[in-house]
C-alpha atoms as a PDB file:
ATOM      1  CA  MET A   1      -7.757  16.994  -3.142  1.00  0.00           C
ATOM      2  CA  LYS A   2      -8.968  14.446  -0.611  1.00  0.00           C
ATOM      3  CA  THR A   3      -6.427  11.654  -0.199  1.00  0.00           C
ATOM      4  CA  VAL A   4      -6.447   8.367   1.694  1.00  0.00           C
ATOM      5  CA  LEU A   5      -2.871   7.680   2.772  1.00  0.00           C
ATOM      6  CA  ILE A   6      -1.606   4.239   3.725  1.00  0.00           C
ATOM      7  CA  TYR A   7       0.151   5.330   6.874  1.00  0.00           C
ATOM      8  CA  SER A   8       2.568   3.137   8.800  1.00  0.00           C
ATOM      9  CA  GLY A   9       4.102   5.802  11.013  1.00  0.00           C
ATOM     10  CA  GLY A  10       7.413   5.180   9.271  1.00  0.00           C
ATOM     11  CA  LEU A  11       9.794   7.685   7.765  1.00  0.00           C
ATOM     12  CA  ASP A  12       8.535   7.518   4.167  1.00  0.00           C
ATOM     13  CA  SER A  13       4.814   7.634   4.876  1.00  0.00           C
ATOM     14  CA  THR A  14       5.277  10.406   7.441  1.00  0.00           C
ATOM     15  CA  VAL A  15       7.153  12.591   4.970  1.00  0.00           C
ATOM     16  CA  LEU A  16       4.379  11.885   2.468  1.00  0.00           C
ATOM     17  CA  LEU A  17       1.773  12.849   5.069  1.00  0.00           C
ATOM     18  CA  TYR A  18       3.501  16.183   5.651  1.00  0.00           C
ATOM     19  CA  ASP A  19       3.911  16.656   1.908  1.00  0.00           C
ATOM     20  CA  LEU A  20       0.198  16.099   1.250  1.00  0.00           C
ATOM     21  CA  LEU A  21      -0.789  18.500   4.016  1.00  0.00           C
ATOM     22  CA  ALA A  22       1.655  21.114   2.706  1.00  0.00           C
ATOM     23  CA  GLY A  23      -0.022  20.792  -0.688  1.00  0.00           C
ATOM     24  CA  GLY A  24      -3.417  21.546   0.824  1.00  0.00           C
ATOM     25  CA  ASP A  25      -4.868  18.021   0.740  1.00  0.00           C
ATOM     26  CA  THR A  26      -7.484  16.771   3.144  1.00  0.00           C
ATOM     27  CA  VAL A  27      -5.830  13.580   4.351  1.00  0.00           C
ATOM     28  CA  LEU A  28      -7.407  10.434   5.767  1.00  0.00           C
ATOM     29  CA  ALA A  29      -4.687   8.247   7.291  1.00  0.00           C
ATOM     30  CA  LEU A  30      -5.107   4.472   7.250  1.00  0.00           C
ATOM     31  CA  SER A  31      -2.867   2.134   9.232  1.00  0.00           C
ATOM     32  CA  VAL A  32      -3.087  -1.632   8.811  1.00  0.00           C
ATOM     33  CA  ASP A  33      -2.464  -4.342  11.389  1.00  0.00           C
ATOM     34  CA  TYR A  34      -1.724  -7.430   9.302  1.00  0.00           C
ATOM     35  CA  GLY A  35      -0.128  -9.336  12.174  1.00  0.00           C
ATOM     36  CA  GLN A  36       3.312  -7.800  11.698  1.00  0.00           C
ATOM     37  CA  ARG A  37       5.744  -8.341  14.537  1.00  0.00           C
ATOM     38  CA  HIS A  38       6.545  -4.618  14.492  1.00  0.00           C
ATOM     39  CA  ARG A  39       2.915  -3.575  14.991  1.00  0.00           C
ATOM     40  CA  SER A  40       4.178  -0.942  17.451  1.00  0.00           C
ATOM     41  CA  GLU A  41       4.399   1.187  14.299  1.00  0.00           C
ATOM     42  CA  VAL A  42       0.602   1.500  14.437  1.00  0.00           C
ATOM     43  CA  GLU A  43       0.769   3.405  17.722  1.00  0.00           C
ATOM     44  CA  HIS A  44       3.393   5.757  16.291  1.00  0.00           C
ATOM     45  CA  ALA A  45       1.115   6.381  13.312  1.00  0.00           C
ATOM     46  CA  ARG A  46      -1.866   7.139  15.530  1.00  0.00           C
ATOM     47  CA  ARG A  47       0.067   9.609  17.671  1.00  0.00           C
ATOM     48  CA  ILE A  48       1.540  11.491  14.718  1.00  0.00           C
ATOM     49  CA  ALA A  49      -1.777  11.678  12.860  1.00  0.00           C
ATOM     50  CA  GLU A  50      -3.617  12.943  15.924  1.00  0.00           C
ATOM     51  CA  SER A  51      -0.923  15.550  16.635  1.00  0.00           C
ATOM     52  CA  LEU A  52      -1.451  16.900  13.111  1.00  0.00           C
ATOM     53  CA  GLY A  53      -5.240  16.888  13.353  1.00  0.00           C
ATOM     54  CA  VAL A  54      -5.517  14.185  10.682  1.00  0.00           C
ATOM     55  CA  GLU A  55      -8.338  11.647  10.743  1.00  0.00           C
ATOM     56  CA  TRP A  56      -6.829   8.228  11.445  1.00  0.00           C
ATOM     57  CA  GLN A  57      -8.307   4.764  11.168  1.00  0.00           C
ATOM     58  CA  LEU A  58      -6.931   1.287  11.817  1.00  0.00           C
ATOM     59  CA  ALA A  59      -7.809  -1.676   9.604  1.00  0.00           C
ATOM     60  CA  ASP A  60      -7.411  -4.749  11.800  1.00  0.00           C
ATOM     61  CA  LEU A  61      -6.426  -7.530   9.407  1.00  0.00           C
ATOM     62  CA  SER A  62      -4.392  -9.416  12.000  1.00  0.00           C
ATOM     63  CA  GLY A  63      -6.601 -12.454  11.445  1.00  0.00           C
ATOM     64  CA  ILE A  64      -5.022 -13.071   8.040  1.00  0.00           C
ATOM     65  CA  ALA A  65      -1.441 -13.223   9.327  1.00  0.00           C
ATOM     66  CA  HIS A  66      -1.408 -17.017   9.046  1.00  0.00           C
ATOM     67  CA  LEU A  67      -2.231 -16.672   5.348  1.00  0.00           C
ATOM     68  CA  LEU A  68       0.819 -14.480   4.786  1.00  0.00           C
ATOM     69  CA  ALA A  69       3.357 -17.070   5.884  1.00  0.00           C
ATOM     70  CA  GLY A  70       6.928 -17.226   4.677  1.00  0.00           C
ATOM     71  CA  SER A  71       7.907 -13.747   5.812  1.00  0.00           C
ATOM     72  CA  SER A  72       9.960 -12.939   8.876  1.00  0.00           C
ATOM     73  CA  LEU A  73       7.552 -10.062   9.549  1.00  0.00           C
ATOM     74  CA  THR A  74       4.529 -12.311   9.984  1.00  0.00           C
ATOM     75  CA  SER A  75       5.978 -15.714  10.952  1.00  0.00           C
ATOM     76  CA  SER A  76       7.228 -15.869  14.536  1.00  0.00           C
ATOM     77  CA  GLU A  77       9.361 -18.954  13.825  1.00  0.00           C
ATOM     78  CA  MET A  78      11.500 -16.926  11.397  1.00  0.00           C
ATOM     79  CA  ALA A  79      14.067 -14.450  12.685  1.00  0.00           C
ATOM     80  CA  VAL A  80      14.237 -10.977  11.182  1.00  0.00           C
ATOM     81  CA  PRO A  81      17.398 -10.962   9.046  1.00  0.00           C
ATOM     82  CA  HIS A  82      20.105  -8.515   9.991  1.00  0.00           C
ATOM     83  CA  GLY A  83      22.223  -6.648   7.503  1.00  0.00           C
ATOM     84  CA  HIS A  84      21.941  -4.213   4.631  1.00  0.00           C
ATOM     85  CA  TYR A  85      19.032  -4.238   2.177  1.00  0.00           C
ATOM     86  CA  ALA A  86      21.509  -5.104  -0.565  1.00  0.00           C
ATOM     87  CA  ASP A  87      21.956  -8.527   1.073  1.00  0.00           C
ATOM     88  CA  ASP A  88      19.940 -11.315  -0.542  1.00  0.00           C
ATOM     89  CA  ASN A  89      18.517 -12.513   2.782  1.00  0.00           C
ATOM     90  CA  MET A  90      16.435  -9.329   3.015  1.00  0.00           C
ATOM     91  CA  LYS A  91      13.920 -10.996   0.707  1.00  0.00           C
ATOM     92  CA  GLN A  92      12.769 -12.856   3.815  1.00  0.00           C
ATOM     93  CA  THR A  93      11.063  -9.608   4.870  1.00  0.00           C
ATOM     94  CA  VAL A  94       8.726  -9.636   1.849  1.00  0.00           C
ATOM     95  CA  VAL A  95       5.113 -10.114   3.009  1.00  0.00           C
ATOM     96  CA  PRO A  96       3.139 -11.789   0.199  1.00  0.00           C
ATOM     97  CA  ASN A  97       0.919  -9.280  -1.601  1.00  0.00           C
ATOM     98  CA  ARG A  98       1.064  -6.821   1.313  1.00  0.00           C
ATOM     99  CA  ASN A  99       0.691  -3.614  -0.647  1.00  0.00           C
ATOM    100  CA  MET A 100      -2.078  -5.003  -2.839  1.00  0.00           C
ATOM    101  CA  ILE A 101      -4.051  -5.915   0.281  1.00  0.00           C
ATOM    102  CA  MET A 102      -3.509  -2.526   1.928  1.00  0.00           C
ATOM    103  CA  LEU A 103      -4.189  -0.581  -1.258  1.00  0.00           C
ATOM    104  CA  SER A 104      -7.442  -2.480  -1.779  1.00  0.00           C
ATOM    105  CA  VAL A 105      -8.683  -1.569   1.701  1.00  0.00           C
ATOM    106  CA  ALA A 106      -7.553   2.031   1.268  1.00  0.00           C
ATOM    107  CA  ALA A 107      -9.261   2.249  -2.112  1.00  0.00           C
ATOM    108  CA  GLY A 108     -12.511   1.026  -0.591  1.00  0.00           C
ATOM    109  CA  TRP A 109     -12.360   3.715   2.092  1.00  0.00           C
ATOM    110  CA  ALA A 110     -11.482   6.317  -0.533  1.00  0.00           C
ATOM    111  CA  MET A 111     -14.482   5.362  -2.651  1.00  0.00           C
ATOM    112  CA  GLY A 112     -16.787   5.388   0.347  1.00  0.00           C
ATOM    113  CA  ARG A 113     -15.588   8.829   1.399  1.00  0.00           C
ATOM    114  CA  GLN A 114     -15.563  10.226  -2.136  1.00  0.00           C
ATOM    115  CA  ALA A 115     -11.814  10.830  -1.983  1.00  0.00           C
ATOM    116  CA  ASP A 116      -9.813  11.607  -5.105  1.00  0.00           C
ATOM    117  CA  ARG A 117      -6.871   9.318  -4.615  1.00  0.00           C
ATOM    118  CA  VAL A 118      -5.008   6.763  -2.547  1.00  0.00           C
ATOM    119  CA  ALA A 119      -1.364   7.443  -1.709  1.00  0.00           C
ATOM    120  CA  TYR A 120       1.487   5.261  -0.503  1.00  0.00           C
ATOM    121  CA  GLY A 121       5.157   5.915   0.096  1.00  0.00           C
ATOM    122  CA  ALA A 122       6.891   3.379  -2.157  1.00  0.00           C
ATOM    123  CA  HIS A 123      10.311   4.683  -3.174  1.00  0.00           C
ATOM    124  CA  GLY A 124      13.147   3.838  -5.524  1.00  0.00           C
ATOM    125  CA  GLY A 125      15.202   1.970  -2.935  1.00  0.00           C
ATOM    126  CA  ASP A 126      12.408  -0.577  -2.460  1.00  0.00           C
ATOM    127  CA  HIS A 127      12.256  -1.798  -6.043  1.00  0.00           C
ATOM    128  CA  THR A 128      14.799  -4.615  -5.895  1.00  0.00           C
ATOM    129  CA  ILE A 129      13.492  -6.076  -2.614  1.00  0.00           C
ATOM    130  CA  TYR A 130       9.743  -5.453  -2.715  1.00  0.00           C
ATOM    131  CA  PRO A 131       7.964  -6.298  -5.998  1.00  0.00           C
ATOM    132  CA  ASP A 132       4.871  -4.374  -4.898  1.00  0.00           C
ATOM    133  CA  CYS A 133       6.845  -1.134  -4.767  1.00  0.00           C
ATOM    134  CA  ARG A 134       7.837  -1.185  -8.440  1.00  0.00           C
ATOM    135  CA  PRO A 135       6.483   1.404 -10.895  1.00  0.00           C
ATOM    136  CA  GLU A 136       4.949  -1.402 -12.980  1.00  0.00           C
ATOM    137  CA  PHE A 137       2.964  -2.629  -9.992  1.00  0.00           C
ATOM    138  CA  ALA A 138       1.796   0.881  -9.091  1.00  0.00           C
ATOM    139  CA  ALA A 139       0.686   1.537 -12.677  1.00  0.00           C
ATOM    140  CA  ALA A 140      -1.305  -1.699 -12.749  1.00  0.00           C
ATOM    141  CA  VAL A 141      -3.020  -0.963  -9.418  1.00  0.00           C
ATOM    142  CA  ASP A 142      -3.834   2.559 -10.567  1.00  0.00           C
ATOM    143  CA  ARG A 143      -5.612   1.161 -13.605  1.00  0.00           C
ATOM    144  CA  ALA A 144      -7.489  -1.394 -11.505  1.00  0.00           C
ATOM    145  CA  ILE A 145      -8.810   0.935  -8.810  1.00  0.00           C
ATOM    146  CA  ARG A 146      -9.927   3.504 -11.388  1.00  0.00           C
ATOM    147  CA  LEU A 147     -12.229   0.769 -12.720  1.00  0.00           C
ATOM    148  CA  ALA A 148     -13.376  -0.580  -9.357  1.00  0.00           C
ATOM    149  CA  ASP A 149     -16.203   1.862  -8.650  1.00  0.00           C
ATOM    150  CA  TRP A 150     -18.409   4.475 -10.313  1.00  0.00           C
ATOM    151  CA  HIS A 151     -16.478   7.026  -8.231  1.00  0.00           C
ATOM    152  CA  GLU A 152     -13.026   7.016  -9.830  1.00  0.00           C
ATOM    153  CA  VAL A 153     -10.052   6.961  -7.476  1.00  0.00           C
ATOM    154  CA  GLN A 154      -6.441   7.191  -8.631  1.00  0.00           C
ATOM    155  CA  LEU A 155      -3.218   5.933  -7.078  1.00  0.00           C
ATOM    156  CA  TYR A 156      -0.625   8.515  -6.076  1.00  0.00           C
ATOM    157  CA  CYS A 157       2.971   7.504  -5.315  1.00  0.00           C
ATOM    158  CA  PRO A 158       5.186  10.592  -5.715  1.00  0.00           C
ATOM    159  CA  PHE A 159       8.302   9.030  -4.160  1.00  0.00           C
ATOM    160  CA  ILE A 160       8.493   6.003  -6.434  1.00  0.00           C
ATOM    161  CA  ALA A 161      11.554   7.283  -8.313  1.00  0.00           C
ATOM    162  CA  MET A 162      13.215   8.899  -5.278  1.00  0.00           C
ATOM    163  CA  SER A 163      15.914   7.558  -2.990  1.00  0.00           C
ATOM    164  CA  LYS A 164      15.327   7.369   0.748  1.00  0.00           C
ATOM    165  CA  ALA A 165      17.971  10.066   1.223  1.00  0.00           C
ATOM    166  CA  GLU A 166      15.958  12.365  -1.039  1.00  0.00           C
ATOM    167  CA  ILE A 167      12.865  11.613   1.034  1.00  0.00           C
ATOM    168  CA  VAL A 168      14.746  12.520   4.223  1.00  0.00           C
ATOM    169  CA  ALA A 169      15.903  15.765   2.612  1.00  0.00           C
ATOM    170  CA  ARG A 170      12.311  16.533   1.622  1.00  0.00           C
ATOM    171  CA  GLY A 171      11.158  15.766   5.143  1.00  0.00           C
ATOM    172  CA  ALA A 172      13.756  18.116   6.601  1.00  0.00           C
ATOM    173  CA  MET A 173      12.412  20.901   4.369  1.00  0.00           C
ATOM    174  CA  LEU A 174       8.912  20.161   5.684  1.00  0.00           C
ATOM    175  CA  HIS A 175      10.150  20.148   9.314  1.00  0.00           C
ATOM    176  CA  VAL A 176       9.128  16.529   9.902  1.00  0.00           C
ATOM    177  CA  ASP A 177       9.753  15.369  13.455  1.00  0.00           C
ATOM    178  CA  PHE A 178      11.694  12.255  12.441  1.00  0.00           C
ATOM    179  CA  GLY A 179      12.193  11.217  16.049  1.00  0.00           C
ATOM    180  CA  ARG A 180       8.514  10.268  16.279  1.00  0.00           C
ATOM    181  CA  THR A 181       8.619   7.902  13.289  1.00  0.00           C
ATOM    182  CA  TRP A 182       9.212   4.150  13.474  1.00  0.00           C
ATOM    183  CA  SER A 183      11.096   1.945  11.017  1.00  0.00           C
ATOM    184  CA  CYS A 184      12.533  -1.090  12.850  1.00  0.00           C
ATOM    185  CA  TYR A 185      11.248  -4.546  11.894  1.00  0.00           C
ATOM    186  CA  GLU A 186      12.152  -6.077  15.248  1.00  0.00           C
ATOM    187  CA  GLY A 187       9.413  -4.181  17.067  1.00  0.00           C
ATOM    188  CA  GLY A 188      11.367  -3.669  20.304  1.00  0.00           C
ATOM    189  CA  PRO A 189      11.251  -0.616  22.562  1.00  0.00           C
ATOM    190  CA  ILE A 190      13.856   1.198  20.439  1.00  0.00           C
ATOM    191  CA  HIS A 191      15.249   0.686  16.935  1.00  0.00           C
ATOM    192  CA  CYS A 192      17.491  -2.400  16.890  1.00  0.00           C
ATOM    193  CA  GLY A 193      20.066  -0.864  14.544  1.00  0.00           C
ATOM    194  CA  LYS A 194      20.724  -4.221  12.863  1.00  0.00           C
ATOM    195  CA  CYS A 195      17.767  -5.046  10.624  1.00  0.00           C
ATOM    196  CA  GLY A 196      17.615  -3.934   7.003  1.00  0.00           C
ATOM    197  CA  THR A 197      15.255  -1.050   7.592  1.00  0.00           C
ATOM    198  CA  CYS A 198      17.409   0.307  10.436  1.00  0.00           C
ATOM    199  CA  PHE A 199      20.449   0.163   8.130  1.00  0.00           C
ATOM    200  CA  GLU A 200      18.502   1.925   5.394  1.00  0.00           C
ATOM    201  CA  ARG A 201      17.230   4.574   7.817  1.00  0.00           C
ATOM    202  CA  ARG A 202      20.696   5.438   9.168  1.00  0.00           C
ATOM    203  CA  GLU A 203      22.178   5.460   5.689  1.00  0.00           C
ATOM    204  CA  ALA A 204      19.471   7.801   4.389  1.00  0.00           C
ATOM    205  CA  PHE A 205      20.141  10.398   7.078  1.00  0.00           C
ATOM    206  CA  LEU A 206      23.885  10.193   6.447  1.00  0.00           C
ATOM    207  CA  ARG A 207      23.497  10.575   2.689  1.00  0.00           C
ATOM    208  CA  ALA A 208      21.035  13.440   3.096  1.00  0.00           C
ATOM    209  CA  GLY A 209      23.306  15.239   5.555  1.00  0.00           C
ATOM    210  CA  VAL A 210      20.425  15.473   8.030  1.00  0.00           C
ATOM    211  CA  PRO A 211      20.930  14.720  11.754  1.00  0.00           C
ATOM    212  CA  ASP A 212      19.435  11.373  12.725  1.00  0.00           C
ATOM    213  CA  PRO A 213      17.468  11.673  16.001  1.00  0.00           C
ATOM    214  CA  THR A 214      16.844   7.919  16.225  1.00  0.00           C
ATOM    215  CA  GLN A 215      18.013   5.937  19.236  1.00  0.00           C
ATOM    216  CA  TYR A 216      19.478   2.601  18.142  1.00  0.00           C
ATOM    217  CA  ALA A 217      20.228  -0.386  20.361  1.00  0.00           C
ATOM    218  CA  ALA A 218      23.296  -1.220  18.267  1.00  0.00           C
ATOM    219  CA  THR A 219      25.450   0.492  15.681  1.00  0.00           C
ATOM    220  CA  PRO A 220      25.419  -1.248  12.277  1.00  0.00           C
ATOM    221  CA  ASP A 221      28.786  -2.820  11.487  1.00  0.00           C
ATOM    222  CA  TYR A 222      29.089  -1.545   7.941  1.00  0.00           C
ATOM    223  CA  PRO A 223      31.171   1.424   6.697  1.00  0.00           C
ATOM    224  CA  ALA A 224      29.141   4.601   6.905  1.00  0.00           C
ATOM    225  CA  PRO A 225      28.607   6.232   3.489  1.00  0.00           C
ATOM    226  CA  ALA A 226      29.740   9.752   2.792  1.00  0.00           C
ATOM    227  CA  PRO A 227      26.915  12.309   2.482  1.00  0.00           C
ATOM    228  CA  SER A 228      25.822  12.730  -1.127  1.00  0.00           C
ATOM    229  CA  CYS A 229      23.296  15.550  -0.877  1.00  0.00           C
END
């Protein structure tokens, strides 16, 4: 299989990268700069891909950031909400149509390179916050990109029914260097420890029973969950 992976340098997409390589895929890694305040993730993605000998490309879509207003990730006048993903204010981190945009670019590259599929790391914990991580969305995009070119490309999202803790456990089995991945939405020099994705990251390691190598600027002020796997 030849697979174009939407690659942010985050925990989920990095585990998926390792998983694809372990399965024998030829992987083309695509990172996207859409004007996100945490665009430092792009540099993490580049470094990890290069260390693994994976071809990496950056799609610079930063010029459309002003069209994706209303999200704390693309609008500088909005603060990134702090707290757990279960909190309603986390919907402020939704970037309008983000995955559709990235999947469209990735599909174009896949068709041009005669790849078999496009992959992204949507997982079960994203469903309630991010509409474009739901199984229904993925199924619709799969149908659309199969019809978009004479060279048929499919969408592959193997984590869509998995929890983030299960992804961490899978990554541990694959010997992923989690310390090189980036999750924080604040985009500072180290993980803030307060935004929703930092909460989710810490919680996933705790639930998976896997040591968390991440350096956080602050410790989340919510009760730590007991490991469940």
